[in-house]
C-alpha cells in the first residue's frame, strides 16, 4: 500500500517537473507574455533563486532539495 502511494507521488512529481520544463521552454521561445497564465514561469524561477540566495543555510538546503528532485533518475 505504501509503495503504491509512493509510486503515485513519484509519478505526479515527474509529471510536474516535465510540465515545468515545458513551460520554461515555451516561455523562452514564444515570450512570457504570449503563453497565457503560465507566462510568468521564468520570472517565478528567478524570484525563487533570488529568495534562496538570500536565505543562507535554509536557501542552501532548498537548493539541495531541488537538485535532488532533478537528479533522481
C-alpha atoms as a PDB file:
ATOM      1  CA  UNK A   1       0.000   0.000   0.000  1.00  0.00           C
ATOM      2  CA  UNK A   2       2.740   2.462   0.968  1.00  0.00           C
ATOM      3  CA  UNK A   3       4.809   1.570  -2.101  1.00  0.00           C
ATOM      4  CA  UNK A   4       1.791   2.196  -4.341  1.00  0.00           C
ATOM      5  CA  UNK A   5       1.240   5.640  -2.779  1.00  0.00           C
ATOM      6  CA  UNK A   6       4.942   6.381  -3.091  1.00  0.00           C
ATOM      7  CA  UNK A   7       4.819   5.389  -6.772  1.00  0.00           C
ATOM      8  CA  UNK A   8       1.858   7.690  -7.420  1.00  0.00           C
ATOM      9  CA  UNK A   9       3.563  10.611  -5.674  1.00  0.00           C
ATOM     10  CA  UNK A  10       6.756   9.958  -7.657  1.00  0.00           C
ATOM     11  CA  UNK A  11       4.813   9.854 -10.922  1.00  0.00           C
ATOM     12  CA  UNK A  12       2.989  13.098 -10.110  1.00  0.00           C
ATOM     13  CA  UNK A  13       6.275  14.784  -9.231  1.00  0.00           C
ATOM     14  CA  UNK A  14       7.799  13.624 -12.517  1.00  0.00           C
ATOM     15  CA  UNK A  15       4.814  14.970 -14.450  1.00  0.00           C
ATOM     16  CA  UNK A  16       5.090  18.293 -12.619  1.00  0.00           C
ATOM     17  CA  UNK A  17       8.786  18.599 -13.399  1.00  0.00           C
ATOM     18  CA  UNK A  18       8.181  17.769 -17.070  1.00  0.00           C
ATOM     19  CA  UNK A  19       5.434  20.387 -17.275  1.00  0.00           C
ATOM     20  CA  UNK A  20       7.690  22.932 -15.597  1.00  0.00           C
ATOM     21  CA  UNK A  21      10.437  22.277 -18.142  1.00  0.00           C
ATOM     22  CA  UNK A  22       7.896  22.544 -20.974  1.00  0.00           C
ATOM     23  CA  UNK A  23       6.564  25.893 -19.727  1.00  0.00           C
ATOM     24  CA  UNK A  24      10.104  27.270 -19.362  1.00  0.00           C
ATOM     25  CA  UNK A  25      10.999  26.317 -22.927  1.00  0.00           C
ATOM     26  CA  UNK A  26       7.738  27.681 -24.333  1.00  0.00           C
ATOM     27  CA  UNK A  27       8.115  30.943 -22.383  1.00  0.00           C
ATOM     28  CA  UNK A  28      11.659  31.387 -23.649  1.00  0.00           C
ATOM     29  CA  UNK A  29      10.777  30.585 -27.273  1.00  0.00           C
ATOM     30  CA  UNK A  30       7.481  32.443 -27.625  1.00  0.00           C
ATOM     31  CA  UNK A  31       7.808  35.082 -24.939  1.00  0.00           C
ATOM     32  CA  UNK A  32       6.442  35.195 -21.422  1.00  0.00           C
ATOM     33  CA  UNK A  33       3.508  37.436 -22.345  1.00  0.00           C
ATOM     34  CA  UNK A  34       2.188  35.100 -25.049  1.00  0.00           C
ATOM     35  CA  UNK A  35       1.920  31.908 -23.008  1.00  0.00           C
ATOM     36  CA  UNK A  36      -1.184  32.810 -21.013  1.00  0.00           C
ATOM     37  CA  UNK A  37      -1.465  32.087 -17.309  1.00  0.00           C
ATOM     38  CA  UNK A  38       1.834  30.176 -17.265  1.00  0.00           C
ATOM     39  CA  UNK A  39       3.748  33.081 -18.767  1.00  0.00           C
ATOM     40  CA  UNK A  40       5.420  34.097 -15.551  1.00  0.00           C
ATOM     41  CA  UNK A  41       7.223  30.777 -15.037  1.00  0.00           C
ATOM     42  CA  UNK A  42      10.654  32.214 -15.825  1.00  0.00           C
ATOM     43  CA  UNK A  43      10.048  35.239 -13.587  1.00  0.00           C
ATOM     44  CA  UNK A  44       8.902  32.959 -10.775  1.00  0.00           C
ATOM     45  CA  UNK A  45      12.035  30.832 -11.104  1.00  0.00           C
ATOM     46  CA  UNK A  46      14.211  33.948 -10.984  1.00  0.00           C
ATOM     47  CA  UNK A  47      12.370  35.052  -7.830  1.00  0.00           C
ATOM     48  CA  UNK A  48      12.817  31.590  -6.313  1.00  0.00           C
ATOM     49  CA  UNK A  49      16.555  31.561  -6.974  1.00  0.00           C
ATOM     50  CA  UNK A  50      16.880  35.097  -5.604  1.00  0.00           C
ATOM     51  CA  UNK A  51      14.997  34.114  -2.452  1.00  0.00           C
ATOM     52  CA  UNK A  52      17.135  31.005  -1.986  1.00  0.00           C
ATOM     53  CA  UNK A  53      20.302  33.046  -2.435  1.00  0.00           C
ATOM     54  CA  UNK A  54      19.208  35.410   0.340  1.00  0.00           C
ATOM     55  CA  UNK A  55      18.157  32.526   2.605  1.00  0.00           C
ATOM     56  CA  UNK A  56      21.576  31.469   3.856  1.00  0.00           C
ATOM     57  CA  UNK A  57      21.576  27.910   5.207  1.00  0.00           C
ATOM     58  CA  UNK A  58      17.845  27.441   4.543  1.00  0.00           C
ATOM     59  CA  UNK A  59      18.414  28.518   0.942  1.00  0.00           C
ATOM     60  CA  UNK A  60      21.284  26.069   0.616  1.00  0.00           C
ATOM     61  CA  UNK A  61      19.080  23.257   1.910  1.00  0.00           C
ATOM     62  CA  UNK A  62      16.345  24.319  -0.535  1.00  0.00           C
ATOM     63  CA  UNK A  63      18.783  24.232  -3.438  1.00  0.00           C
ATOM     64  CA  UNK A  64      19.902  20.770  -2.333  1.00  0.00           C
ATOM     65  CA  UNK A  65      16.313  19.518  -2.334  1.00  0.00           C
ATOM     66  CA  UNK A  66      15.660  20.988  -5.781  1.00  0.00           C
ATOM     67  CA  UNK A  67      18.835  19.411  -7.174  1.00  0.00           C
ATOM     68  CA  UNK A  68      17.864  16.080  -5.626  1.00  0.00           C
ATOM     69  CA  UNK A  69      14.461  16.245  -7.321  1.00  0.00           C
ATOM     70  CA  UNK A  70      16.055  16.852 -10.714  1.00  0.00           C
ATOM     71  CA  UNK A  71      18.762  14.192 -10.351  1.00  0.00           C
ATOM     72  CA  UNK A  72      16.687  11.266  -9.046  1.00  0.00           C
ATOM     73  CA  UNK A  73      16.700   9.358 -12.320  1.00  0.00           C
END
